[in-house]
Amino acid sequence: MQGKQNLRHHMSELRNAQSNEDVEKKSLLLSQKIRKHDCYKKATNIASYISCNKEIDLGLLHGHIFKENKKLFLPKFFKNTYVLAEVRDLYKDLMPGKFGISEPTDSCRILLPEQQNNIDLWLIPALAFSLKGDRLGRGGGYYDRLLEHARGYKLGVGYDFQRVTELQSDNHDVAMNELLLIQLPS
């Protein structure tokens, strides 16, 4: 098992080495798979993310969430941690955030931690996922704190190369219920 920092660096290099065209294709394929997933079909309230650094881009999926009368919640940096905020319009409700990642504006309704029980489906990125569903994030613990109150189905999303046999997990780490990882067909 590699050290967490070495694995973060290695996975970042692999992800960033992909062409923009491959990222677009994989993002489209994964978005289509998510829409076919039973948990997505049943979900009313969906927590997702805005991609950065060649992560899977779920922007097209976000558009479908609105068309299908589902609610979209995205992370917002607030008081030195992440909270979820409801987004109703991807053009009006997003602004550059603390880490250069778009996030909900101050006018978006923020969920209290106990309200996160109402999230049916969480779409969660990572640098790596283990076969057991453990995730390796960027190292700040922000997502682990956000997921602390998550009761909905946690779907780890990413690229097939982000799957590793095992990861060192800590007590505060939150495992995924399932992984949905994509590669381009040969």
N, C-alpha and C. Protein backbone atom coordinates (compact mmCIF):
# COMPACT_ATOMS: atom_id res chain seq x y z
N MET A 1 0.85 -1.17 0.00
CA MET A 1 0.00 0.00 0.00
C MET A 1 0.90 1.24 0.00
N GLN A 2 0.70 2.12 -0.96
CA GLN A 2 1.48 3.35 -1.05
C GLN A 2 1.06 4.34 0.03
N GLY A 3 1.98 5.25 0.40
CA GLY A 3 1.61 6.32 1.31
C GLY A 3 0.57 7.21 0.64
N LYS A 4 -0.29 7.83 1.46
CA LYS A 4 -1.39 8.64 0.92
C LYS A 4 -0.87 9.78 0.04
N GLN A 5 0.17 10.47 0.47
CA GLN A 5 0.68 11.61 -0.31
C GLN A 5 1.23 11.15 -1.65
N ASN A 6 1.97 10.03 -1.65
CA ASN A 6 2.51 9.50 -2.92
C ASN A 6 1.37 9.09 -3.85
N LEU A 7 0.35 8.46 -3.29
CA LEU A 7 -0.78 8.03 -4.11
C LEU A 7 -1.54 9.24 -4.65
N ARG A 8 -1.72 10.28 -3.84
CA ARG A 8 -2.38 11.50 -4.31
C ARG A 8 -1.62 12.08 -5.50
N HIS A 9 -0.32 12.16 -5.36
CA HIS A 9 0.51 12.72 -6.43
C HIS A 9 0.40 11.87 -7.70
N HIS A 10 0.51 10.55 -7.54
CA HIS A 10 0.45 9.64 -8.69
C HIS A 10 -0.91 9.75 -9.40
N MET A 11 -1.99 9.72 -8.63
CA MET A 11 -3.33 9.78 -9.23
C MET A 11 -3.60 11.13 -9.88
N SER A 12 -3.10 12.20 -9.29
CA SER A 12 -3.25 13.52 -9.90
C SER A 12 -2.54 13.57 -11.25
N GLU A 13 -1.36 12.99 -11.31
CA GLU A 13 -0.62 12.95 -12.58
C GLU A 13 -1.37 12.16 -13.64
N LEU A 14 -1.90 11.01 -13.26
CA LEU A 14 -2.66 10.19 -14.22
C LEU A 14 -3.89 10.94 -14.72
N ARG A 15 -4.61 11.55 -13.80
CA ARG A 15 -5.83 12.27 -14.18
C ARG A 15 -5.51 13.46 -15.08
N ASN A 16 -4.49 14.20 -14.74
CA ASN A 16 -4.14 15.40 -15.51
C ASN A 16 -3.51 15.08 -16.85
N ALA A 17 -3.02 13.86 -17.03
CA ALA A 17 -2.40 13.46 -18.30
C ALA A 17 -3.43 13.13 -19.37
N GLN A 18 -4.70 13.01 -18.99
CA GLN A 18 -5.74 12.69 -19.97
C GLN A 18 -5.98 13.87 -20.90
N SER A 19 -6.34 13.56 -22.11
CA SER A 19 -6.69 14.63 -23.05
C SER A 19 -8.06 15.20 -22.66
N ASN A 20 -8.31 16.44 -23.03
CA ASN A 20 -9.62 17.05 -22.78
C ASN A 20 -10.72 16.27 -23.49
N GLU A 21 -10.40 15.75 -24.66
CA GLU A 21 -11.38 14.96 -25.43
C GLU A 21 -11.77 13.69 -24.66
N ASP A 22 -10.78 13.00 -24.08
CA ASP A 22 -11.08 11.80 -23.30
C ASP A 22 -11.92 12.13 -22.06
N VAL A 23 -11.59 13.23 -21.40
CA VAL A 23 -12.36 13.65 -20.22
C VAL A 23 -13.81 13.90 -20.62
N GLU A 24 -14.03 14.58 -21.73
CA GLU A 24 -15.40 14.85 -22.20
C GLU A 24 -16.15 13.56 -22.50
N LYS A 25 -15.50 12.63 -23.21
CA LYS A 25 -16.14 11.37 -23.57
C LYS A 25 -16.49 10.55 -22.32
N LYS A 26 -15.53 10.44 -21.41
CA LYS A 26 -15.75 9.67 -20.19
C LYS A 26 -16.82 10.33 -19.32
N SER A 27 -16.82 11.64 -19.27
CA SER A 27 -17.83 12.36 -18.49
C SER A 27 -19.23 12.11 -19.03
N LEU A 28 -19.36 12.12 -20.35
CA LEU A 28 -20.65 11.85 -20.97
C LEU A 28 -21.11 10.42 -20.69
N LEU A 29 -20.20 9.45 -20.87
CA LEU A 29 -20.53 8.04 -20.61
C LEU A 29 -20.94 7.82 -19.16
N LEU A 30 -20.20 8.41 -18.24
CA LEU A 30 -20.51 8.21 -16.82
C LEU A 30 -21.84 8.88 -16.46
N SER A 31 -22.08 10.05 -17.00
CA SER A 31 -23.36 10.73 -16.75
C SER A 31 -24.52 9.88 -17.23
N GLN A 32 -24.36 9.24 -18.38
CA GLN A 32 -25.41 8.35 -18.90
C GLN A 32 -25.62 7.15 -17.99
N LYS A 33 -24.53 6.58 -17.47
CA LYS A 33 -24.63 5.45 -16.56
C LYS A 33 -25.33 5.84 -15.26
N ILE A 34 -25.01 7.02 -14.77
CA ILE A 34 -25.64 7.49 -13.53
C ILE A 34 -27.15 7.61 -13.73
N ARG A 35 -27.57 8.18 -14.86
CA ARG A 35 -29.00 8.37 -15.12
C ARG A 35 -29.75 7.04 -15.21
N LYS A 36 -29.07 5.96 -15.56
CA LYS A 36 -29.69 4.64 -15.65
C LYS A 36 -29.70 3.90 -14.30
N HIS A 37 -28.96 4.42 -13.35
CA HIS A 37 -28.82 3.76 -12.04
C HIS A 37 -30.12 3.89 -11.25
N ASP A 38 -30.53 2.81 -10.60
CA ASP A 38 -31.77 2.81 -9.83
C ASP A 38 -31.80 3.91 -8.76
N CYS A 39 -30.67 4.11 -8.10
CA CYS A 39 -30.64 5.14 -7.06
C CYS A 39 -30.89 6.53 -7.63
N TYR A 40 -30.40 6.79 -8.82
CA TYR A 40 -30.65 8.08 -9.46
C TYR A 40 -32.12 8.19 -9.82
N LYS A 41 -32.67 7.15 -10.40
CA LYS A 41 -34.07 7.18 -10.83
C LYS A 41 -35.01 7.44 -9.65
N LYS A 42 -34.69 6.89 -8.49
CA LYS A 42 -35.53 7.03 -7.30
C LYS A 42 -35.27 8.34 -6.55
N ALA A 43 -34.13 8.95 -6.77
CA ALA A 43 -33.72 10.12 -5.99
C ALA A 43 -34.52 11.37 -6.35
N THR A 44 -34.79 12.16 -5.33
CA THR A 44 -35.38 13.49 -5.51
C THR A 44 -34.34 14.56 -5.23
N ASN A 45 -33.54 14.34 -4.19
CA ASN A 45 -32.52 15.30 -3.76
C ASN A 45 -31.14 14.69 -4.01
N ILE A 46 -30.34 15.37 -4.84
CA ILE A 46 -29.04 14.83 -5.26
C ILE A 46 -27.94 15.82 -4.91
N ALA A 47 -26.94 15.33 -4.19
CA ALA A 47 -25.74 16.11 -3.89
C ALA A 47 -24.68 15.73 -4.91
N SER A 48 -24.09 16.72 -5.54
CA SER A 48 -23.07 16.47 -6.56
C SER A 48 -21.89 17.39 -6.31
N TYR A 49 -21.12 17.66 -7.32
CA TYR A 49 -19.94 18.51 -7.21
C TYR A 49 -19.70 19.20 -8.55
N ILE A 50 -18.89 20.23 -8.52
CA ILE A 50 -18.41 20.89 -9.73
C ILE A 50 -16.97 20.42 -9.95
N SER A 51 -16.69 19.93 -11.12
CA SER A 51 -15.38 19.34 -11.38
C SER A 51 -14.28 20.38 -11.49
N CYS A 52 -13.07 19.91 -11.23
CA CYS A 52 -11.86 20.72 -11.45
C CYS A 52 -10.72 19.76 -11.77
N ASN A 53 -9.70 20.26 -12.39
CA ASN A 53 -8.48 19.48 -12.66
C ASN A 53 -8.76 18.14 -13.34
N LYS A 54 -9.59 18.18 -14.37
CA LYS A 54 -9.90 17.02 -15.19
C LYS A 54 -10.62 15.89 -14.45
N GLU A 55 -11.36 16.25 -13.38
CA GLU A 55 -12.27 15.29 -12.77
C GLU A 55 -13.40 15.01 -13.74
N ILE A 56 -14.14 13.94 -13.50
CA ILE A 56 -15.35 13.68 -14.27
C ILE A 56 -16.24 14.91 -14.15
N ASP A 57 -16.69 15.42 -15.28
CA ASP A 57 -17.54 16.62 -15.31
C ASP A 57 -19.00 16.18 -15.41
N LEU A 58 -19.76 16.47 -14.37
CA LEU A 58 -21.17 16.08 -14.34
C LEU A 58 -22.10 17.22 -14.74
N GLY A 59 -21.58 18.22 -15.43
CA GLY A 59 -22.38 19.36 -15.85
C GLY A 59 -23.62 18.98 -16.65
N LEU A 60 -23.47 18.06 -17.60
CA LEU A 60 -24.63 17.62 -18.38
C LEU A 60 -25.66 16.92 -17.50
N LEU A 61 -25.18 16.13 -16.57
CA LEU A 61 -26.09 15.46 -15.64
C LEU A 61 -26.85 16.48 -14.80
N HIS A 62 -26.17 17.53 -14.38
CA HIS A 62 -26.84 18.57 -13.59
C HIS A 62 -28.02 19.17 -14.35
N GLY A 63 -27.84 19.37 -15.64
CA GLY A 63 -28.94 19.87 -16.47
C GLY A 63 -30.12 18.92 -16.47
N HIS A 64 -29.83 17.61 -16.55
CA HIS A 64 -30.91 16.61 -16.52
C HIS A 64 -31.61 16.60 -15.16
N ILE A 65 -30.85 16.81 -14.10
CA ILE A 65 -31.45 16.84 -12.76
C ILE A 65 -32.57 17.87 -12.72
N PHE A 66 -32.31 19.06 -13.28
CA PHE A 66 -33.34 20.10 -13.31
C PHE A 66 -34.51 19.71 -14.20
N LYS A 67 -34.22 19.17 -15.38
CA LYS A 67 -35.28 18.78 -16.32
C LYS A 67 -36.18 17.70 -15.74
N GLU A 68 -35.63 16.87 -14.87
CA GLU A 68 -36.38 15.76 -14.28
C GLU A 68 -37.01 16.14 -12.94
N ASN A 69 -37.05 17.44 -12.66
CA ASN A 69 -37.67 17.97 -11.43
C ASN A 69 -37.07 17.39 -10.15
N LYS A 70 -35.77 17.16 -10.19
CA LYS A 70 -35.03 16.76 -9.00
C LYS A 70 -34.33 18.00 -8.46
N LYS A 71 -33.87 17.95 -7.23
CA LYS A 71 -33.15 19.07 -6.64
C LYS A 71 -31.67 18.78 -6.60
N LEU A 72 -30.87 19.82 -6.90
CA LEU A 72 -29.41 19.70 -6.94
C LEU A 72 -28.80 20.48 -5.79
N PHE A 73 -27.91 19.83 -5.07
CA PHE A 73 -27.18 20.44 -3.97
C PHE A 73 -25.69 20.30 -4.25
N LEU A 74 -24.96 21.41 -4.08
CA LEU A 74 -23.53 21.42 -4.35
C LEU A 74 -22.77 21.94 -3.13
N PRO A 75 -21.50 21.53 -2.97
CA PRO A 75 -20.71 22.00 -1.84
C PRO A 75 -20.40 23.49 -1.95
N LYS A 76 -20.42 24.14 -0.79
CA LYS A 76 -20.08 25.56 -0.68
C LYS A 76 -19.17 25.71 0.53
N PHE A 77 -18.07 26.43 0.34
CA PHE A 77 -17.15 26.67 1.45
C PHE A 77 -17.76 27.74 2.35
N PHE A 78 -17.93 27.40 3.63
CA PHE A 78 -18.62 28.28 4.57
C PHE A 78 -18.04 28.05 5.96
N LYS A 79 -17.49 29.10 6.56
CA LYS A 79 -16.92 29.02 7.91
C LYS A 79 -15.91 27.88 8.04
N ASN A 80 -14.94 27.87 7.14
CA ASN A 80 -13.82 26.92 7.14
C ASN A 80 -14.19 25.46 6.95
N THR A 81 -15.33 25.20 6.34
CA THR A 81 -15.71 23.84 6.02
C THR A 81 -16.65 23.86 4.81
N TYR A 82 -17.02 22.70 4.33
CA TYR A 82 -18.00 22.63 3.25
C TYR A 82 -19.38 22.33 3.81
N VAL A 83 -20.37 22.99 3.24
CA VAL A 83 -21.78 22.73 3.51
C VAL A 83 -22.44 22.50 2.16
N LEU A 84 -23.65 22.00 2.17
CA LEU A 84 -24.40 21.84 0.92
C LEU A 84 -25.36 23.01 0.75
N ALA A 85 -25.47 23.47 -0.48
CA ALA A 85 -26.42 24.54 -0.80
C ALA A 85 -27.22 24.12 -2.03
N GLU A 86 -28.49 24.49 -2.03
CA GLU A 86 -29.36 24.14 -3.14
C GLU A 86 -29.13 25.09 -4.31
N VAL A 87 -28.92 24.52 -5.48
CA VAL A 87 -28.72 25.29 -6.70
C VAL A 87 -29.95 25.09 -7.58
N ARG A 88 -30.52 26.19 -8.04
CA ARG A 88 -31.72 26.11 -8.89
C ARG A 88 -31.44 26.52 -10.33
N ASP A 89 -30.30 27.18 -10.54
CA ASP A 89 -29.93 27.66 -11.88
C ASP A 89 -28.41 27.63 -11.97
N LEU A 90 -27.88 26.81 -12.88
CA LEU A 90 -26.42 26.64 -12.98
C LEU A 90 -25.71 27.90 -13.46
N TYR A 91 -26.44 28.81 -14.09
CA TYR A 91 -25.81 30.04 -14.59
C TYR A 91 -25.86 31.16 -13.57
N LYS A 92 -26.96 31.27 -12.85
CA LYS A 92 -27.13 32.38 -11.91
C LYS A 92 -26.64 32.05 -10.50
N ASP A 93 -26.65 30.78 -10.16
CA ASP A 93 -26.40 30.40 -8.76
C ASP A 93 -24.98 29.96 -8.46
N LEU A 94 -24.04 30.12 -9.39
CA LEU A 94 -22.66 29.71 -9.14
C LEU A 94 -21.71 30.89 -9.26
N MET A 95 -20.66 30.85 -8.44
CA MET A 95 -19.61 31.87 -8.46
C MET A 95 -18.28 31.19 -8.14
N PRO A 96 -17.16 31.84 -8.45
CA PRO A 96 -15.86 31.24 -8.09
C PRO A 96 -15.76 31.11 -6.58
N GLY A 97 -15.28 29.95 -6.13
CA GLY A 97 -15.18 29.69 -4.70
C GLY A 97 -13.76 29.80 -4.18
N LYS A 98 -13.59 29.43 -2.93
CA LYS A 98 -12.33 29.58 -2.21
C LYS A 98 -11.16 28.90 -2.92
N PHE A 99 -11.37 27.73 -3.47
CA PHE A 99 -10.28 26.99 -4.10
C PHE A 99 -10.31 27.11 -5.62
N GLY A 100 -11.00 28.14 -6.13
CA GLY A 100 -11.10 28.34 -7.57
C GLY A 100 -12.13 27.44 -8.23
N ILE A 101 -12.89 26.71 -7.42
CA ILE A 101 -13.93 25.82 -7.93
C ILE A 101 -15.26 26.56 -7.80
N SER A 102 -16.07 26.52 -8.86
CA SER A 102 -17.38 27.17 -8.78
C SER A 102 -18.19 26.55 -7.65
N GLU A 103 -18.92 27.41 -6.95
CA GLU A 103 -19.75 26.96 -5.85
C GLU A 103 -21.00 27.83 -5.76
N PRO A 104 -22.00 27.38 -5.02
CA PRO A 104 -23.24 28.16 -4.91
C PRO A 104 -22.99 29.57 -4.35
N THR A 105 -23.79 30.52 -4.85
CA THR A 105 -23.70 31.90 -4.38
C THR A 105 -24.29 32.00 -2.98
N ASP A 106 -24.12 33.16 -2.36
CA ASP A 106 -24.64 33.40 -1.01
C ASP A 106 -26.16 33.41 -0.98
N SER A 107 -26.81 33.57 -2.13
CA SER A 107 -28.27 33.59 -2.15
C SER A 107 -28.88 32.17 -2.13
N CYS A 108 -28.05 31.14 -2.29
CA CYS A 108 -28.55 29.76 -2.29
C CYS A 108 -28.81 29.28 -0.86
N ARG A 109 -29.87 28.53 -0.72
CA ARG A 109 -30.25 27.99 0.59
C ARG A 109 -29.24 26.94 1.04
N ILE A 110 -28.69 27.13 2.24
CA ILE A 110 -27.73 26.20 2.82
C ILE A 110 -28.47 25.18 3.68
N LEU A 111 -28.07 23.92 3.54
CA LEU A 111 -28.66 22.86 4.36
C LEU A 111 -27.92 22.79 5.70
N LEU A 112 -28.67 22.67 6.76
CA LEU A 112 -28.09 22.39 8.06
C LEU A 112 -27.66 20.92 8.07
N PRO A 113 -26.68 20.55 8.90
CA PRO A 113 -26.21 19.15 8.88
C PRO A 113 -27.34 18.13 9.02
N GLU A 114 -28.30 18.39 9.90
CA GLU A 114 -29.40 17.42 10.07
C GLU A 114 -30.32 17.35 8.85
N GLN A 115 -30.32 18.40 8.02
CA GLN A 115 -31.13 18.39 6.79
C GLN A 115 -30.48 17.54 5.70
N GLN A 116 -29.21 17.21 5.87
CA GLN A 116 -28.54 16.37 4.88
C GLN A 116 -29.12 14.96 4.84
N ASN A 117 -29.89 14.60 5.86
CA ASN A 117 -30.58 13.29 5.84
C ASN A 117 -31.53 13.20 4.67
N ASN A 118 -31.95 14.35 4.13
CA ASN A 118 -32.89 14.39 3.02
C ASN A 118 -32.23 14.15 1.66
N ILE A 119 -30.91 14.09 1.62
CA ILE A 119 -30.20 13.83 0.36
C ILE A 119 -30.32 12.33 0.06
N ASP A 120 -30.91 12.02 -1.08
CA ASP A 120 -31.12 10.62 -1.46
C ASP A 120 -29.89 10.00 -2.10
N LEU A 121 -29.16 10.82 -2.86
CA LEU A 121 -28.01 10.31 -3.62
C LEU A 121 -26.88 11.33 -3.56
N TRP A 122 -25.71 10.83 -3.20
CA TRP A 122 -24.48 11.64 -3.18
C TRP A 122 -23.59 11.16 -4.31
N LEU A 123 -23.15 12.07 -5.17
CA LEU A 123 -22.20 11.77 -6.25
C LEU A 123 -20.86 12.36 -5.79
N ILE A 124 -19.90 11.50 -5.53
CA ILE A 124 -18.70 11.92 -4.81
C ILE A 124 -17.44 11.61 -5.60
N PRO A 125 -16.61 12.64 -5.84
CA PRO A 125 -15.33 12.42 -6.53
C PRO A 125 -14.23 12.04 -5.53
N ALA A 126 -13.11 11.62 -6.04
CA ALA A 126 -11.93 11.33 -5.22
C ALA A 126 -10.72 11.23 -6.14
N LEU A 127 -9.56 11.17 -5.54
CA LEU A 127 -8.35 10.88 -6.32
C LEU A 127 -8.21 9.37 -6.52
N ALA A 128 -8.68 8.58 -5.53
CA ALA A 128 -8.63 7.13 -5.64
C ALA A 128 -9.74 6.53 -4.78
N PHE A 129 -10.16 5.32 -5.17
CA PHE A 129 -11.15 4.55 -4.42
C PHE A 129 -10.60 3.14 -4.23
N SER A 130 -10.85 2.55 -3.06
CA SER A 130 -10.45 1.16 -2.85
C SER A 130 -11.58 0.24 -3.29
N LEU A 131 -11.29 -1.03 -3.39
CA LEU A 131 -12.30 -2.02 -3.76
C LEU A 131 -13.42 -2.06 -2.72
N LYS A 132 -13.11 -1.71 -1.46
CA LYS A 132 -14.12 -1.68 -0.39
C LYS A 132 -14.97 -0.41 -0.41
N GLY A 133 -14.58 0.57 -1.23
CA GLY A 133 -15.34 1.82 -1.29
C GLY A 133 -14.74 2.95 -0.49
N ASP A 134 -13.57 2.74 0.10
CA ASP A 134 -12.89 3.85 0.78
C ASP A 134 -12.42 4.83 -0.29
N ARG A 135 -12.35 6.12 0.08
CA ARG A 135 -11.93 7.12 -0.88
C ARG A 135 -10.73 7.89 -0.36
N LEU A 136 -9.92 8.33 -1.31
CA LEU A 136 -8.77 9.18 -1.01
C LEU A 136 -9.05 10.53 -1.65
N GLY A 137 -9.22 11.55 -0.82
CA GLY A 137 -9.45 12.89 -1.32
C GLY A 137 -8.16 13.68 -1.42
N ARG A 138 -8.28 14.97 -1.41
CA ARG A 138 -7.11 15.83 -1.58
C ARG A 138 -6.31 16.03 -0.30
N GLY A 139 -6.87 15.61 0.83
CA GLY A 139 -6.09 15.66 2.06
C GLY A 139 -6.54 16.67 3.09
N GLY A 140 -7.55 17.46 2.79
CA GLY A 140 -8.01 18.45 3.76
C GLY A 140 -9.10 17.94 4.70
N GLY A 141 -9.67 16.78 4.39
CA GLY A 141 -10.75 16.24 5.22
C GLY A 141 -12.09 16.93 5.02
N TYR A 142 -12.17 17.82 4.04
CA TYR A 142 -13.40 18.59 3.83
C TYR A 142 -14.58 17.69 3.47
N TYR A 143 -14.37 16.77 2.54
CA TYR A 143 -15.46 15.89 2.12
C TYR A 143 -15.86 14.94 3.25
N ASP A 144 -14.88 14.46 4.01
CA ASP A 144 -15.21 13.57 5.13
C ASP A 144 -16.11 14.28 6.14
N ARG A 145 -15.82 15.54 6.42
CA ARG A 145 -16.68 16.29 7.34
C ARG A 145 -18.05 16.54 6.72
N LEU A 146 -18.10 16.81 5.42
CA LEU A 146 -19.38 17.01 4.75
C LEU A 146 -20.21 15.73 4.78
N LEU A 147 -19.56 14.59 4.62
CA LEU A 147 -20.26 13.30 4.57
C LEU A 147 -20.59 12.73 5.95
N GLU A 148 -20.11 13.40 6.97
CA GLU A 148 -20.31 12.91 8.34
C GLU A 148 -21.79 12.65 8.66
N HIS A 149 -22.69 13.47 8.12
CA HIS A 149 -24.13 13.34 8.39
C HIS A 149 -24.89 12.73 7.21
N ALA A 150 -24.16 12.24 6.22
CA ALA A 150 -24.80 11.71 5.01
C ALA A 150 -25.46 10.36 5.30
N ARG A 151 -26.73 10.27 5.01
CA ARG A 151 -27.46 9.02 5.19
C ARG A 151 -27.89 8.43 3.84
N GLY A 152 -27.87 9.24 2.80
CA GLY A 152 -28.27 8.77 1.48
C GLY A 152 -27.23 7.86 0.87
N TYR A 153 -27.54 7.36 -0.31
CA TYR A 153 -26.67 6.44 -1.04
C TYR A 153 -25.46 7.21 -1.56
N LYS A 154 -24.28 6.72 -1.24
CA LYS A 154 -23.03 7.39 -1.63
C LYS A 154 -22.41 6.64 -2.81
N LEU A 155 -22.42 7.32 -3.96
CA LEU A 155 -21.90 6.75 -5.20
C LEU A 155 -20.58 7.45 -5.54
N GLY A 156 -19.49 6.72 -5.41
CA GLY A 156 -18.18 7.26 -5.78
C GLY A 156 -18.04 7.24 -7.28
N VAL A 157 -17.71 8.38 -7.88
CA VAL A 157 -17.63 8.47 -9.34
C VAL A 157 -16.23 8.91 -9.77
N GLY A 158 -15.77 8.34 -10.86
CA GLY A 158 -14.46 8.70 -11.35
C GLY A 158 -14.05 7.83 -12.53
N TYR A 159 -12.74 7.73 -12.71
CA TYR A 159 -12.16 6.97 -13.81
C TYR A 159 -11.74 5.58 -13.32
N ASP A 160 -11.72 4.63 -14.21
CA ASP A 160 -11.36 3.27 -13.86
C ASP A 160 -9.95 3.19 -13.25
N PHE A 161 -9.03 4.02 -13.72
CA PHE A 161 -7.66 3.95 -13.20
C PHE A 161 -7.57 4.45 -11.75
N GLN A 162 -8.64 5.04 -11.24
CA GLN A 162 -8.63 5.54 -9.86
C GLN A 162 -8.95 4.43 -8.85
N ARG A 163 -9.20 3.23 -9.33
CA ARG A 163 -9.48 2.10 -8.44
C ARG A 163 -8.17 1.48 -7.99
N VAL A 164 -8.02 1.31 -6.69
CA VAL A 164 -6.85 0.65 -6.11
C VAL A 164 -7.33 -0.50 -5.23
N THR A 165 -6.46 -1.44 -4.96
CA THR A 165 -6.84 -2.61 -4.17
C THR A 165 -7.29 -2.22 -2.77
N GLU A 166 -6.47 -1.41 -2.11
CA GLU A 166 -6.83 -0.98 -0.76
C GLU A 166 -6.26 0.39 -0.46
N LEU A 167 -6.88 1.04 0.51
CA LEU A 167 -6.44 2.35 0.99
C LEU A 167 -6.38 2.31 2.50
N GLN A 168 -5.45 3.02 3.04
CA GLN A 168 -5.41 3.19 4.49
C GLN A 168 -6.58 4.10 4.86
N SER A 169 -7.47 3.62 5.72
CA SER A 169 -8.60 4.46 6.11
C SER A 169 -8.49 4.82 7.58
N ASP A 170 -9.01 5.98 7.90
CA ASP A 170 -9.01 6.47 9.27
C ASP A 170 -10.44 6.42 9.80
N ASN A 171 -10.59 6.60 11.11
CA ASN A 171 -11.92 6.53 11.73
C ASN A 171 -12.91 7.51 11.13
N HIS A 172 -12.44 8.68 10.69
CA HIS A 172 -13.35 9.71 10.17
C HIS A 172 -13.69 9.50 8.68
N ASP A 173 -13.02 8.57 8.01
CA ASP A 173 -13.28 8.35 6.59
C ASP A 173 -14.65 7.70 6.39
N VAL A 174 -15.35 8.16 5.37
CA VAL A 174 -16.68 7.64 5.06
C VAL A 174 -16.58 6.84 3.76
N ALA A 175 -16.99 5.58 3.82
CA ALA A 175 -16.91 4.70 2.65
C ALA A 175 -18.11 4.91 1.73
N MET A 176 -17.91 4.63 0.47
CA MET A 176 -18.96 4.72 -0.54
C MET A 176 -19.80 3.44 -0.49
N ASN A 177 -21.08 3.56 -0.84
CA ASN A 177 -21.92 2.37 -0.98
C ASN A 177 -21.58 1.61 -2.26
N GLU A 178 -21.15 2.36 -3.27
CA GLU A 178 -20.85 1.76 -4.57
C GLU A 178 -19.93 2.69 -5.34
N LEU A 179 -19.16 2.10 -6.23
CA LEU A 179 -18.31 2.88 -7.13
C LEU A 179 -18.84 2.76 -8.54
N LEU A 180 -18.83 3.88 -9.25
CA LEU A 180 -19.18 3.89 -10.66
C LEU A 180 -18.01 4.58 -11.36
N LEU A 181 -17.12 3.75 -11.91
CA LEU A 181 -15.89 4.23 -12.52
C LEU A 181 -15.92 3.89 -14.00
N ILE A 182 -15.37 4.77 -14.82
CA ILE A 182 -15.53 4.65 -16.27
C ILE A 182 -14.19 4.59 -16.99
N GLN A 183 -14.18 3.84 -18.08
CA GLN A 183 -13.06 3.87 -19.03
C GLN A 183 -13.66 3.88 -20.42
N LEU A 184 -12.91 4.36 -21.36
CA LEU A 184 -13.40 4.37 -22.74
C LEU A 184 -13.37 2.96 -23.30
N PRO A 185 -14.42 2.58 -24.05
CA PRO A 185 -14.39 1.26 -24.68
C PRO A 185 -13.23 1.16 -25.67
N SER A 186 -12.66 -0.02 -25.75
CA SER A 186 -11.52 -0.22 -26.68
C SER A 186 -12.01 -0.31 -28.11
